[in-house]
Amino acid sequence: YGMGKTSVQSKFNIPGRIAWVTMEVPGFTTLL
């Protein structure tokens, strides 16, 4: 599972904060 304490090094990783915001924000903005 590629996030949190089980995150491992990979060239397909996205920096945590950037990934989190961009994957969570579409939820409430879409609803609005």
PDB file of all heavy atoms in Angstrom:
ATOM      1  N   TYR A   1       0.875  -1.181   0.000  1.00  0.00           N
ATOM      2  CA  TYR A   1       0.000   0.000   0.000  1.00  0.00           C
ATOM      3  C   TYR A   1       0.902   1.218   0.000  1.00  0.00           C
ATOM      4  O   TYR A   1       1.615   1.476   0.973  1.00  0.00           O
ATOM      5  CB  TYR A   1      -0.936   0.009   1.214  1.00  0.00           C
ATOM      6  CG  TYR A   1      -1.992   1.088   1.113  1.00  0.00           C
ATOM      7  CD1 TYR A   1      -3.002   0.992   0.163  1.00  0.00           C
ATOM      8  CD2 TYR A   1      -1.946   2.215   1.930  1.00  0.00           C
ATOM      9  CE1 TYR A   1      -3.962   1.990   0.033  1.00  0.00           C
ATOM     10  CE2 TYR A   1      -2.905   3.211   1.811  1.00  0.00           C
ATOM     11  CZ  TYR A   1      -3.912   3.090   0.859  1.00  0.00           C
ATOM     12  OH  TYR A   1      -4.858   4.084   0.725  1.00  0.00           O
ATOM     13  N   GLY A   2       0.876   1.976  -1.084  1.00  0.00           N
ATOM     14  CA  GLY A   2       1.879   3.004  -1.325  1.00  0.00           C
ATOM     15  C   GLY A   2       1.636   4.358  -0.719  1.00  0.00           C
ATOM     16  O   GLY A   2       1.712   5.387  -1.400  1.00  0.00           O
ATOM     17  N   MET A   3       1.360   4.405   0.574  1.00  0.00           N
ATOM     18  CA  MET A   3       1.288   5.685   1.281  1.00  0.00           C
ATOM     19  C   MET A   3       1.450   5.448   2.778  1.00  0.00           C
ATOM     20  O   MET A   3       1.381   4.313   3.247  1.00  0.00           O
ATOM     21  CB  MET A   3      -0.027   6.420   0.992  1.00  0.00           C
ATOM     22  CG  MET A   3      -1.277   5.772   1.548  1.00  0.00           C
ATOM     23  SD  MET A   3      -2.769   6.757   1.239  1.00  0.00           S
ATOM     24  CE  MET A   3      -2.524   8.138   2.370  1.00  0.00           C
ATOM     25  N   GLY A   4       1.672   6.533   3.518  1.00  0.00           N
ATOM     26  CA  GLY A   4       1.805   6.424   4.972  1.00  0.00           C
ATOM     27  C   GLY A   4       3.061   5.682   5.367  1.00  0.00           C
ATOM     28  O   GLY A   4       4.081   5.706   4.672  1.00  0.00           O
ATOM     29  N   LYS A   5       2.983   4.958   6.474  1.00  0.00           N
ATOM     30  CA  LYS A   5       4.169   4.266   6.984  1.00  0.00           C
ATOM     31  C   LYS A   5       4.580   3.088   6.114  1.00  0.00           C
ATOM     32  O   LYS A   5       5.681   2.556   6.264  1.00  0.00           O
ATOM     33  CB  LYS A   5       3.934   3.798   8.429  1.00  0.00           C
ATOM     34  CG  LYS A   5       2.780   2.847   8.635  1.00  0.00           C
ATOM     35  CD  LYS A   5       2.656   2.472  10.098  1.00  0.00           C
ATOM     36  CE  LYS A   5       1.428   1.623  10.364  1.00  0.00           C
ATOM     37  NZ  LYS A   5       0.181   2.410  10.250  1.00  0.00           N
ATOM     38  N   THR A   6       3.702   2.673   5.185  1.00  0.00           N
ATOM     39  CA  THR A   6       4.050   1.583   4.275  1.00  0.00           C
ATOM     40  C   THR A   6       4.518   2.109   2.917  1.00  0.00           C
ATOM     41  O   THR A   6       4.686   1.335   1.976  1.00  0.00           O
ATOM     42  CB  THR A   6       2.847   0.639   4.070  1.00  0.00           C
ATOM     43  OG1 THR A   6       1.713   1.399   3.633  1.00  0.00           O
ATOM     44  CG2 THR A   6       2.501  -0.087   5.365  1.00  0.00           C
ATOM     45  N   SER A   7       4.714   3.429   2.820  1.00  0.00           N
ATOM     46  CA  SER A   7       5.226   4.007   1.573  1.00  0.00           C
ATOM     47  C   SER A   7       6.674   3.575   1.357  1.00  0.00           C
ATOM     48  O   SER A   7       7.473   3.520   2.290  1.00  0.00           O
ATOM     49  CB  SER A   7       5.156   5.537   1.646  1.00  0.00           C
ATOM     50  OG  SER A   7       5.708   6.119   0.486  1.00  0.00           O
ATOM     51  N   VAL A   8       7.013   3.230   0.114  1.00  0.00           N
ATOM     52  CA  VAL A   8       8.392   2.853  -0.225  1.00  0.00           C
ATOM     53  C   VAL A   8       8.873   3.724  -1.381  1.00  0.00           C
ATOM     54  O   VAL A   8       8.071   4.351  -2.086  1.00  0.00           O
ATOM     55  CB  VAL A   8       8.484   1.361  -0.627  1.00  0.00           C
ATOM     56  CG1 VAL A   8       8.141   0.464   0.554  1.00  0.00           C
ATOM     57  CG2 VAL A   8       7.569   1.062  -1.815  1.00  0.00           C
ATOM     58  N   GLN A   9      10.186   3.772  -1.583  1.00  0.00           N
ATOM     59  CA  GLN A   9      10.745   4.578  -2.659  1.00  0.00           C
ATOM     60  C   GLN A   9      10.305   4.037  -4.022  1.00  0.00           C
ATOM     61  O   GLN A   9      10.334   2.837  -4.257  1.00  0.00           O
ATOM     62  CB  GLN A   9      12.267   4.593  -2.576  1.00  0.00           C
ATOM     63  CG  GLN A   9      12.811   5.427  -1.417  1.00  0.00           C
ATOM     64  CD  GLN A   9      14.312   5.582  -1.488  1.00  0.00           C
ATOM     65  OE1 GLN A   9      14.980   4.893  -2.247  1.00  0.00           O
ATOM     66  NE2 GLN A   9      14.851   6.496  -0.692  1.00  0.00           N
ATOM     67  N   SER A  10       9.882   4.952  -4.883  1.00  0.00           N
ATOM     68  CA  SER A  10       9.470   4.567  -6.238  1.00  0.00           C
ATOM     69  C   SER A  10       9.522   5.800  -7.126  1.00  0.00           C
ATOM     70  O   SER A  10       9.243   6.919  -6.681  1.00  0.00           O
ATOM     71  CB  SER A  10       8.044   4.001  -6.231  1.00  0.00           C
ATOM     72  OG  SER A  10       7.560   3.862  -7.560  1.00  0.00           O
ATOM     73  N   LYS A  11       9.856   5.592  -8.394  1.00  0.00           N
ATOM     74  CA  LYS A  11       9.866   6.721  -9.326  1.00  0.00           C
ATOM     75  C   LYS A  11       8.448   7.184  -9.648  1.00  0.00           C
ATOM     76  O   LYS A  11       8.260   8.240 -10.273  1.00  0.00           O
ATOM     77  CB  LYS A  11      10.599   6.332 -10.606  1.00  0.00           C
ATOM     78  CG  LYS A  11       9.963   5.189 -11.383  1.00  0.00           C
ATOM     79  CD  LYS A  11      10.798   4.850 -12.612  1.00  0.00           C
ATOM     80  CE  LYS A  11      10.195   3.684 -13.396  1.00  0.00           C
ATOM     81  NZ  LYS A  11      11.012   3.339 -14.581  1.00  0.00           N
ATOM     82  N   PHE A  12       7.451   6.413  -9.198  1.00  0.00           N
ATOM     83  CA  PHE A  12       6.055   6.776  -9.432  1.00  0.00           C
ATOM     84  C   PHE A  12       5.427   7.443  -8.207  1.00  0.00           C
ATOM     85  O   PHE A  12       4.215   7.642  -8.160  1.00  0.00           O
ATOM     86  CB  PHE A  12       5.241   5.539  -9.823  1.00  0.00           C
ATOM     87  CG  PHE A  12       5.703   4.911 -11.103  1.00  0.00           C
ATOM     88  CD1 PHE A  12       6.354   3.685 -11.092  1.00  0.00           C
ATOM     89  CD2 PHE A  12       5.498   5.551 -12.314  1.00  0.00           C
ATOM     90  CE1 PHE A  12       6.786   3.106 -12.271  1.00  0.00           C
ATOM     91  CE2 PHE A  12       5.931   4.976 -13.505  1.00  0.00           C
ATOM     92  CZ  PHE A  12       6.584   3.754 -13.482  1.00  0.00           C
ATOM     93  N   ASN A  13       6.228   7.779  -7.217  1.00  0.00           N
ATOM     94  CA  ASN A  13       5.725   8.479  -6.037  1.00  0.00           C
ATOM     95  C   ASN A  13       5.491   9.956  -6.329  1.00  0.00           C
ATOM     96  O   ASN A  13       6.197  10.566  -7.134  1.00  0.00           O
ATOM     97  CB  ASN A  13       6.710   8.352  -4.873  1.00  0.00           C
ATOM     98  CG  ASN A  13       6.606   7.010  -4.168  1.00  0.00           C
ATOM     99  OD1 ASN A  13       5.679   6.244  -4.416  1.00  0.00           O
ATOM    100  ND2 ASN A  13       7.548   6.725  -3.301  1.00  0.00           N
ATOM    101  N   ILE A  14       4.516  10.517  -5.645  1.00  0.00           N
ATOM    102  CA  ILE A  14       4.225  11.950  -5.695  1.00  0.00           C
ATOM    103  C   ILE A  14       4.470  12.497  -4.286  1.00  0.00           C
ATOM    104  O   ILE A  14       4.103  11.847  -3.299  1.00  0.00           O
ATOM    105  CB  ILE A  14       2.759  12.211  -6.110  1.00  0.00           C
ATOM    106  CG1 ILE A  14       2.446  11.533  -7.445  1.00  0.00           C
ATOM    107  CG2 ILE A  14       2.474  13.704  -6.183  1.00  0.00           C
ATOM    108  CD1 ILE A  14       0.972  11.564  -7.808  1.00  0.00           C
ATOM    109  N   PRO A  15       5.091  13.673  -4.139  1.00  0.00           N
ATOM    110  CA  PRO A  15       5.290  14.249  -2.804  1.00  0.00           C
ATOM    111  C   PRO A  15       3.983  14.263  -2.006  1.00  0.00           C
ATOM    112  O   PRO A  15       2.920  14.604  -2.547  1.00  0.00           O
ATOM    113  CB  PRO A  15       5.782  15.669  -3.108  1.00  0.00           C
ATOM    114  CG  PRO A  15       6.460  15.547  -4.430  1.00  0.00           C
ATOM    115  CD  PRO A  15       5.662  14.532  -5.201  1.00  0.00           C
ATOM    116  N   GLY A  16       4.078  13.881  -0.731  1.00  0.00           N
ATOM    117  CA  GLY A  16       2.893  13.630   0.079  1.00  0.00           C
ATOM    118  C   GLY A  16       1.865  14.745   0.098  1.00  0.00           C
ATOM    119  O   GLY A  16       0.670  14.512  -0.127  1.00  0.00           O
ATOM    120  N   ARG A  17       2.292  15.965   0.398  1.00  0.00           N
ATOM    121  CA  ARG A  17       1.330  17.063   0.528  1.00  0.00           C
ATOM    122  C   ARG A  17       0.638  17.361  -0.801  1.00  0.00           C
ATOM    123  O   ARG A  17      -0.583  17.567  -0.853  1.00  0.00           O
ATOM    124  CB  ARG A  17       2.019  18.329   1.041  1.00  0.00           C
ATOM    125  CG  ARG A  17       2.549  18.214   2.454  1.00  0.00           C
ATOM    126  CD  ARG A  17       3.142  19.531   2.929  1.00  0.00           C
ATOM    127  NE  ARG A  17       4.131  19.311   3.969  1.00  0.00           N
ATOM    128  CZ  ARG A  17       3.845  19.097   5.241  1.00  0.00           C
ATOM    129  NH1 ARG A  17       2.587  19.104   5.638  1.00  0.00           N
ATOM    130  NH2 ARG A  17       4.806  18.895   6.123  1.00  0.00           N
ATOM    131  N   ILE A  18       1.428  17.384  -1.877  1.00  0.00           N
ATOM    132  CA  ILE A  18       0.860  17.668  -3.200  1.00  0.00           C
ATOM    133  C   ILE A  18      -0.145  16.583  -3.584  1.00  0.00           C
ATOM    134  O   ILE A  18      -1.257  16.868  -4.055  1.00  0.00           O
ATOM    135  CB  ILE A  18       1.977  17.764  -4.251  1.00  0.00           C
ATOM    136  CG1 ILE A  18       2.868  18.973  -3.968  1.00  0.00           C
ATOM    137  CG2 ILE A  18       1.389  17.842  -5.666  1.00  0.00           C
ATOM    138  CD1 ILE A  18       4.104  19.044  -4.835  1.00  0.00           C
ATOM    139  N   ALA A  19       0.236  15.330  -3.380  1.00  0.00           N
ATOM    140  CA  ALA A  19      -0.655  14.218  -3.729  1.00  0.00           C
ATOM    141  C   ALA A  19      -1.936  14.283  -2.915  1.00  0.00           C
ATOM    142  O   ALA A  19      -3.041  14.106  -3.453  1.00  0.00           O
ATOM    143  CB  ALA A  19       0.061  12.886  -3.489  1.00  0.00           C
ATOM    144  N   TRP A  20      -1.793  14.548  -1.614  1.00  0.00           N
ATOM    145  CA  TRP A  20      -2.966  14.535  -0.726  1.00  0.00           C
ATOM    146  C   TRP A  20      -3.974  15.601  -1.131  1.00  0.00           C
ATOM    147  O   TRP A  20      -5.169  15.321  -1.265  1.00  0.00           O
ATOM    148  CB  TRP A  20      -2.526  14.734   0.726  1.00  0.00           C
ATOM    149  CG  TRP A  20      -3.651  14.505   1.683  1.00  0.00           C
ATOM    150  CD1 TRP A  20      -4.576  15.420   2.091  1.00  0.00           C
ATOM    151  CD2 TRP A  20      -4.001  13.278   2.331  1.00  0.00           C
ATOM    152  NE1 TRP A  20      -5.476  14.841   2.950  1.00  0.00           N
ATOM    153  CE2 TRP A  20      -5.147  13.527   3.111  1.00  0.00           C
ATOM    154  CE3 TRP A  20      -3.445  11.995   2.319  1.00  0.00           C
ATOM    155  CZ2 TRP A  20      -5.742  12.540   3.889  1.00  0.00           C
ATOM    156  CZ3 TRP A  20      -4.046  11.007   3.085  1.00  0.00           C
ATOM    157  CH2 TRP A  20      -5.177  11.286   3.862  1.00  0.00           C
ATOM    158  N   VAL A  21      -3.504  16.817  -1.321  1.00  0.00           N
ATOM    159  CA  VAL A  21      -4.410  17.906  -1.680  1.00  0.00           C
ATOM    160  C   VAL A  21      -5.094  17.626  -3.012  1.00  0.00           C
ATOM    161  O   VAL A  21      -6.321  17.754  -3.143  1.00  0.00           O
ATOM    162  CB  VAL A  21      -3.653  19.251  -1.738  1.00  0.00           C
ATOM    163  CG1 VAL A  21      -4.551  20.343  -2.329  1.00  0.00           C
ATOM    164  CG2 VAL A  21      -3.171  19.660  -0.356  1.00  0.00           C
ATOM    165  N   THR A  22      -4.322  17.224  -4.012  1.00  0.00           N
ATOM    166  CA  THR A  22      -4.880  17.045  -5.350  1.00  0.00           C
ATOM    167  C   THR A  22      -5.799  15.829  -5.459  1.00  0.00           C
ATOM    168  O   THR A  22      -6.640  15.774  -6.359  1.00  0.00           O
ATOM    169  CB  THR A  22      -3.764  16.931  -6.408  1.00  0.00           C
ATOM    170  OG1 THR A  22      -2.840  15.893  -6.027  1.00  0.00           O
ATOM    171  CG2 THR A  22      -3.024  18.248  -6.539  1.00  0.00           C
ATOM    172  N   MET A  23      -5.681  14.869  -4.531  1.00  0.00           N
ATOM    173  CA  MET A  23      -6.580  13.715  -4.607  1.00  0.00           C
ATOM    174  C   MET A  23      -7.815  13.886  -3.715  1.00  0.00           C
ATOM    175  O   MET A  23      -8.822  13.208  -3.917  1.00  0.00           O
ATOM    176  CB  MET A  23      -5.843  12.416  -4.238  1.00  0.00           C
ATOM    177  CG  MET A  23      -5.529  12.228  -2.778  1.00  0.00           C
ATOM    178  SD  MET A  23      -4.454  10.765  -2.525  1.00  0.00           S
ATOM    179  CE  MET A  23      -4.624  10.510  -0.737  1.00  0.00           C
ATOM    180  N   GLU A  24      -7.774  14.797  -2.743  1.00  0.00           N
ATOM    181  CA  GLU A  24      -8.899  14.987  -1.831  1.00  0.00           C
ATOM    182  C   GLU A  24      -9.787  16.175  -2.216  1.00  0.00           C
ATOM    183  O   GLU A  24     -11.002  16.118  -2.054  1.00  0.00           O
ATOM    184  CB  GLU A  24      -8.368  15.200  -0.407  1.00  0.00           C
ATOM    185  CG  GLU A  24      -7.679  13.972   0.194  1.00  0.00           C
ATOM    186  CD  GLU A  24      -8.653  12.913   0.663  1.00  0.00           C
ATOM    187  OE1 GLU A  24      -9.664  13.259   1.281  1.00  0.00           O
ATOM    188  OE2 GLU A  24      -8.400  11.725   0.382  1.00  0.00           O
ATOM    189  N   VAL A  25      -9.192  17.244  -2.719  1.00  0.00           N
ATOM    190  CA  VAL A  25      -9.957  18.446  -3.055  1.00  0.00           C
ATOM    191  C   VAL A  25     -11.048  18.204  -4.108  1.00  0.00           C
ATOM    192  O   VAL A  25     -12.130  18.812  -4.028  1.00  0.00           O
ATOM    193  CB  VAL A  25      -9.001  19.583  -3.495  1.00  0.00           C
ATOM    194  CG1 VAL A  25      -9.752  20.690  -4.231  1.00  0.00           C
ATOM    195  CG2 VAL A  25      -8.284  20.164  -2.273  1.00  0.00           C
ATOM    196  N   PRO A  26     -10.840  17.330  -5.116  1.00  0.00           N
ATOM    197  CA  PRO A  26     -11.909  17.116  -6.107  1.00  0.00           C
ATOM    198  C   PRO A  26     -13.244  16.676  -5.509  1.00  0.00           C
ATOM    199  O   PRO A  26     -14.290  16.902  -6.135  1.00  0.00           O
ATOM    200  CB  PRO A  26     -11.324  16.008  -7.004  1.00  0.00           C
ATOM    201  CG  PRO A  26      -9.849  16.223  -6.935  1.00  0.00           C
ATOM    202  CD  PRO A  26      -9.594  16.620  -5.503  1.00  0.00           C
ATOM    203  N   GLY A  27     -13.229  16.086  -4.323  1.00  0.00           N
ATOM    204  CA  GLY A  27     -14.471  15.633  -3.716  1.00  0.00           C
ATOM    205  C   GLY A  27     -15.415  16.771  -3.393  1.00  0.00           C
ATOM    206  O   GLY A  27     -16.515  16.878  -3.957  1.00  0.00           O
ATOM    207  N   PHE A  28     -15.016  17.654  -2.497  1.00  0.00           N
ATOM    208  CA  PHE A  28     -15.955  18.684  -2.074  1.00  0.00           C
ATOM    209  C   PHE A  28     -16.155  19.769  -3.130  1.00  0.00           C
ATOM    210  O   PHE A  28     -17.229  20.380  -3.208  1.00  0.00           O
ATOM    211  CB  PHE A  28     -15.566  19.285  -0.717  1.00  0.00           C
ATOM    212  CG  PHE A  28     -14.444  20.279  -0.724  1.00  0.00           C
ATOM    213  CD1 PHE A  28     -14.698  21.632  -0.902  1.00  0.00           C
ATOM    214  CD2 PHE A  28     -13.136  19.880  -0.514  1.00  0.00           C
ATOM    215  CE1 PHE A  28     -13.670  22.559  -0.882  1.00  0.00           C
ATOM    216  CE2 PHE A  28     -12.106  20.789  -0.487  1.00  0.00           C
ATOM    217  CZ  PHE A  28     -12.369  22.142  -0.680  1.00  0.00           C
ATOM    218  N   THR A  29     -15.155  20.012  -3.990  1.00  0.00           N
ATOM    219  CA  THR A  29     -15.358  21.002  -5.053  1.00  0.00           C
ATOM    220  C   THR A  29     -16.358  20.492  -6.091  1.00  0.00           C
ATOM    221  O   THR A  29     -17.169  21.265  -6.617  1.00  0.00           O
ATOM    222  CB  THR A  29     -14.022  21.355  -5.733  1.00  0.00           C
ATOM    223  OG1 THR A  29     -13.358  20.162  -6.163  1.00  0.00           O
ATOM    224  CG2 THR A  29     -13.109  22.109  -4.773  1.00  0.00           C
ATOM    225  N   THR A  30     -16.309  19.191  -6.368  1.00  0.00           N
ATOM    226  CA  THR A  30     -17.291  18.606  -7.295  1.00  0.00           C
ATOM    227  C   THR A  30     -18.688  18.684  -6.716  1.00  0.00           C
ATOM    228  O   THR A  30     -19.652  19.046  -7.411  1.00  0.00           O
ATOM    229  CB  THR A  30     -16.924  17.144  -7.617  1.00  0.00           C
ATOM    230  OG1 THR A  30     -15.662  17.104  -8.270  1.00  0.00           O
ATOM    231  CG2 THR A  30     -17.976  16.489  -8.502  1.00  0.00           C
ATOM    232  N   LEU A  31     -18.826  18.360  -5.439  1.00  0.00           N
ATOM    233  CA  LEU A  31     -20.149  18.433  -4.803  1.00  0.00           C
ATOM    234  C   LEU A  31     -20.683  19.857  -4.830  1.00  0.00           C
ATOM    235  O   LEU A  31     -21.858  20.090  -5.133  1.00  0.00           O
ATOM    236  CB  LEU A  31     -20.075  17.910  -3.375  1.00  0.00           C
ATOM    237  CG  LEU A  31     -21.417  17.894  -2.634  1.00  0.00           C
ATOM    238  CD1 LEU A  31     -21.632  16.563  -1.903  1.00  0.00           C
ATOM    239  CD2 LEU A  31     -21.518  19.040  -1.626  1.00  0.00           C
ATOM    240  N   LEU A  32     -19.838  20.827  -4.519  1.00  0.00           N
ATOM    241  CA  LEU A  32     -20.280  22.226  -4.536  1.00  0.00           C
ATOM    242  C   LEU A  32     -20.711  22.653  -5.938  1.00  0.00           C
ATOM    243  O   LEU A  32     -21.718  23.361  -6.107  1.00  0.00           O
ATOM    244  CB  LEU A  32     -19.160  23.134  -4.028  1.00  0.00           C
ATOM    245  CG  LEU A  32     -18.903  23.120  -2.524  1.00  0.00           C
ATOM    246  CD1 LEU A  32     -17.669  23.934  -2.180  1.00  0.00           C
ATOM    247  CD2 LEU A  32     -20.114  23.647  -1.747  1.00  0.00           C
TER     248      LEU A  32
END
